[in-house]
Amino acid sequence: MLKGLGGLGDMAKMMKAAQEMQGKMAQLQADMDTITVEGQSGAGLVRATATAKGELTGLSIDPSIFSADDKEMVEDLILAAIKDAQQKAGERAAEEMAKLSEGLGLPPGMKLPF
C-alpha cells in the first residue's frame, strides 16, 4: 500500500502499533481495578485484600486475637497484612505489565509508564 513511499510505510506501522499499545494500556489500567490479591499475617489470622493497583478493599481479622492485652500485637498484624497485600499488588501489576510488553515485542524488563 505505501511501498513506494519508503520509510513512511514503516512509520504508519509504528503509529498503528502505538495506537494498539495505547488501547491495551487503557484496558490493563481498567483490569487492575478488578484484579485482587490477598496479603496475610499471623498465619492467616489477619487478611487484607487489595486491588492490583494497591487499593485496600477488605480486611478480615480472626476474633480469637482480640484481647485488650494484645492490642499492639493486633495492630502490628494488621499493618503486616496490609503491607503484604500491597507488595503482592505491586508484583501482580508488574506481572500484568510484563505480559503486555511481551506481546508488544519490547525488551524484557522494560518499564512502562505506570
C-alpha atoms as a PDB file:
ATOM      1  CA  MET A   1       0.000   0.000   0.000  1.00  0.00           C
ATOM      2  CA  LEU A   2       2.661   2.542   0.965  1.00  0.00           C
ATOM      3  CA  LYS A   3       5.511   0.631  -0.686  1.00  0.00           C
ATOM      4  CA  GLY A   4       6.641   3.439  -2.931  1.00  0.00           C
ATOM      5  CA  LEU A   5       6.872   5.880  -0.025  1.00  0.00           C
ATOM      6  CA  GLY A   6       9.928   4.270   1.586  1.00  0.00           C
ATOM      7  CA  GLY A   7      10.081   4.812   5.342  1.00  0.00           C
ATOM      8  CA  LEU A   8       6.548   6.196   5.550  1.00  0.00           C
ATOM      9  CA  GLY A   9       5.117   2.673   5.400  1.00  0.00           C
ATOM     10  CA  ASP A  10       7.158   1.752   8.454  1.00  0.00           C
ATOM     11  CA  MET A  11       6.009   4.939  10.165  1.00  0.00           C
ATOM     12  CA  ALA A  12       2.387   4.015   9.526  1.00  0.00           C
ATOM     13  CA  LYS A  13       3.014   0.588  11.066  1.00  0.00           C
ATOM     14  CA  MET A  14       4.641   2.207  14.082  1.00  0.00           C
ATOM     15  CA  MET A  15       1.711   4.591  14.532  1.00  0.00           C
ATOM     16  CA  LYS A  16      -0.751   1.721  14.320  1.00  0.00           C
ATOM     17  CA  ALA A  17       1.278  -0.273  16.869  1.00  0.00           C
ATOM     18  CA  ALA A  18       1.380   2.758  19.180  1.00  0.00           C
ATOM     19  CA  GLN A  19      -2.405   3.109  18.979  1.00  0.00           C
ATOM     20  CA  GLU A  20      -2.845  -0.590  19.729  1.00  0.00           C
ATOM     21  CA  MET A  21      -0.497  -0.278  22.687  1.00  0.00           C
ATOM     22  CA  GLN A  22      -2.423   2.714  23.989  1.00  0.00           C
ATOM     23  CA  GLY A  23      -5.654   0.712  23.826  1.00  0.00           C
ATOM     24  CA  LYS A  24      -4.074  -2.256  25.598  1.00  0.00           C
ATOM     25  CA  MET A  25      -2.634   0.012  28.296  1.00  0.00           C
ATOM     26  CA  ALA A  26      -6.073   1.554  28.901  1.00  0.00           C
ATOM     27  CA  GLN A  27      -7.604  -1.914  29.164  1.00  0.00           C
ATOM     28  CA  LEU A  28      -4.866  -3.036  31.562  1.00  0.00           C
ATOM     29  CA  GLN A  29      -5.463   0.032  33.749  1.00  0.00           C
ATOM     30  CA  ALA A  30      -9.149  -0.883  33.930  1.00  0.00           C
ATOM     31  CA  ASP A  31      -8.318  -4.535  34.655  1.00  0.00           C
ATOM     32  CA  MET A  32      -6.043  -3.534  37.552  1.00  0.00           C
ATOM     33  CA  ASP A  33      -9.153  -2.346  39.407  1.00  0.00           C
ATOM     34  CA  THR A  34     -10.738  -5.808  39.187  1.00  0.00           C
ATOM     35  CA  ILE A  35      -7.686  -7.991  39.862  1.00  0.00           C
ATOM     36  CA  THR A  36      -7.421  -8.688  43.584  1.00  0.00           C
ATOM     37  CA  VAL A  37      -4.671 -10.073  45.776  1.00  0.00           C
ATOM     38  CA  GLU A  38      -4.673 -11.121  49.413  1.00  0.00           C
ATOM     39  CA  GLY A  39      -1.986 -10.449  51.980  1.00  0.00           C
ATOM     40  CA  GLN A  40      -1.894 -12.070  55.373  1.00  0.00           C
ATOM     41  CA  SER A  41      -0.065 -12.165  58.657  1.00  0.00           C
ATOM     42  CA  GLY A  42      -0.170 -14.190  61.839  1.00  0.00           C
ATOM     43  CA  ALA A  43      -0.559 -17.455  59.897  1.00  0.00           C
ATOM     44  CA  GLY A  44      -3.733 -16.120  58.290  1.00  0.00           C
ATOM     45  CA  LEU A  45      -5.302 -14.595  61.416  1.00  0.00           C
ATOM     46  CA  VAL A  46      -5.317 -11.208  59.673  1.00  0.00           C
ATOM     47  CA  ARG A  47      -6.034 -10.965  55.938  1.00  0.00           C
ATOM     48  CA  ALA A  48      -6.033  -7.864  53.763  1.00  0.00           C
ATOM     49  CA  THR A  49      -7.452  -7.740  50.243  1.00  0.00           C
ATOM     50  CA  ALA A  50      -6.316  -5.147  47.697  1.00  0.00           C
ATOM     51  CA  THR A  51      -6.645  -4.414  44.005  1.00  0.00           C
ATOM     52  CA  ALA A  52      -3.611  -4.829  41.761  1.00  0.00           C
ATOM     53  CA  LYS A  53      -3.314  -1.037  41.974  1.00  0.00           C
ATOM     54  CA  GLY A  54      -2.720  -1.415  45.724  1.00  0.00           C
ATOM     55  CA  GLU A  55      -6.058  -0.030  46.921  1.00  0.00           C
ATOM     56  CA  LEU A  56      -7.151  -1.800  50.108  1.00  0.00           C
ATOM     57  CA  THR A  57     -10.627  -3.283  49.619  1.00  0.00           C
ATOM     58  CA  GLY A  58     -11.081  -5.581  52.589  1.00  0.00           C
ATOM     59  CA  LEU A  59      -9.744  -6.591  55.972  1.00  0.00           C
ATOM     60  CA  SER A  60     -10.576  -9.781  57.854  1.00  0.00           C
ATOM     61  CA  ILE A  61      -9.493 -10.355  61.450  1.00  0.00           C
ATOM     62  CA  ASP A  62      -9.951 -13.647  63.284  1.00  0.00           C
ATOM     63  CA  PRO A  63     -11.801 -12.846  66.536  1.00  0.00           C
ATOM     64  CA  SER A  64      -9.500 -15.120  68.534  1.00  0.00           C
ATOM     65  CA  ILE A  65      -6.782 -12.450  68.523  1.00  0.00           C
ATOM     66  CA  PHE A  66      -8.855  -9.796  70.270  1.00  0.00           C
ATOM     67  CA  SER A  67      -7.691  -9.137  73.773  1.00  0.00           C
ATOM     68  CA  ALA A  68      -7.007  -5.815  75.465  1.00  0.00           C
ATOM     69  CA  ASP A  69      -3.548  -7.096  76.417  1.00  0.00           C
ATOM     70  CA  ASP A  70      -2.693  -7.872  72.788  1.00  0.00           C
ATOM     71  CA  LYS A  71      -3.691  -4.524  71.256  1.00  0.00           C
ATOM     72  CA  GLU A  72      -0.197  -3.716  69.932  1.00  0.00           C
ATOM     73  CA  MET A  73       0.241  -7.209  68.501  1.00  0.00           C
ATOM     74  CA  VAL A  74      -3.096  -6.954  66.680  1.00  0.00           C
ATOM     75  CA  GLU A  75      -2.132  -3.566  65.259  1.00  0.00           C
ATOM     76  CA  ASP A  76       1.189  -4.988  64.069  1.00  0.00           C
ATOM     77  CA  LEU A  77      -0.564  -7.949  62.436  1.00  0.00           C
ATOM     78  CA  ILE A  78      -2.977  -5.618  60.650  1.00  0.00           C
ATOM     79  CA  LEU A  79      -0.151  -3.469  59.305  1.00  0.00           C
ATOM     80  CA  ALA A  80       1.806  -6.544  58.234  1.00  0.00           C
ATOM     81  CA  ALA A  81      -1.187  -7.958  56.349  1.00  0.00           C
ATOM     82  CA  ILE A  82      -1.773  -4.633  54.580  1.00  0.00           C
ATOM     83  CA  LYS A  83       1.892  -4.336  53.607  1.00  0.00           C
ATOM     84  CA  ASP A  84       1.846  -7.935  52.338  1.00  0.00           C
ATOM     85  CA  ALA A  85      -1.236  -7.207  50.211  1.00  0.00           C
ATOM     86  CA  GLN A  86       0.341  -4.043  48.803  1.00  0.00           C
ATOM     87  CA  GLN A  87       3.556  -5.905  47.949  1.00  0.00           C
ATOM     88  CA  LYS A  88       1.575  -8.648  46.205  1.00  0.00           C
ATOM     89  CA  ALA A  89      -0.432  -5.988  44.352  1.00  0.00           C
ATOM     90  CA  GLY A  90       2.793  -4.457  43.057  1.00  0.00           C
ATOM     91  CA  GLU A  91       4.095  -7.851  41.990  1.00  0.00           C
ATOM     92  CA  ARG A  92       0.824  -8.690  40.222  1.00  0.00           C
ATOM     93  CA  ALA A  93       0.795  -5.330  38.438  1.00  0.00           C
ATOM     94  CA  ALA A  94       4.376  -5.967  37.273  1.00  0.00           C
ATOM     95  CA  GLU A  95       3.373  -9.429  36.003  1.00  0.00           C
ATOM     96  CA  GLU A  96       0.481  -7.977  34.033  1.00  0.00           C
ATOM     97  CA  MET A  97       2.711  -5.263  32.558  1.00  0.00           C
ATOM     98  CA  ALA A  98       5.309  -7.890  31.605  1.00  0.00           C
ATOM     99  CA  LYS A  99       2.614  -9.841  29.732  1.00  0.00           C
ATOM    100  CA  LEU A 100       1.608  -6.682  27.872  1.00  0.00           C
ATOM    101  CA  SER A 101       5.163  -5.645  26.998  1.00  0.00           C
ATOM    102  CA  GLU A 102       5.999  -9.211  25.903  1.00  0.00           C
ATOM    103  CA  GLY A 103       3.117  -9.121  23.442  1.00  0.00           C
ATOM    104  CA  LEU A 104       4.392  -5.833  22.052  1.00  0.00           C
ATOM    105  CA  GLY A 105       7.883  -7.147  21.390  1.00  0.00           C
ATOM    106  CA  LEU A 106       9.511  -4.842  23.943  1.00  0.00           C
ATOM    107  CA  PRO A 107      12.755  -5.919  25.619  1.00  0.00           C
ATOM    108  CA  PRO A 108      12.336  -7.949  28.852  1.00  0.00           C
ATOM    109  CA  GLY A 109      12.412  -5.777  31.956  1.00  0.00           C
ATOM    110  CA  MET A 110      11.459  -2.580  30.144  1.00  0.00           C
ATOM    111  CA  LYS A 111       9.302  -0.473  32.447  1.00  0.00           C
ATOM    112  CA  LEU A 112       6.172   1.075  31.010  1.00  0.00           C
ATOM    113  CA  PRO A 113       4.858   4.329  32.480  1.00  0.00           C
ATOM    114  CA  PHE A 114       2.732   3.314  35.486  1.00  0.00           C
END
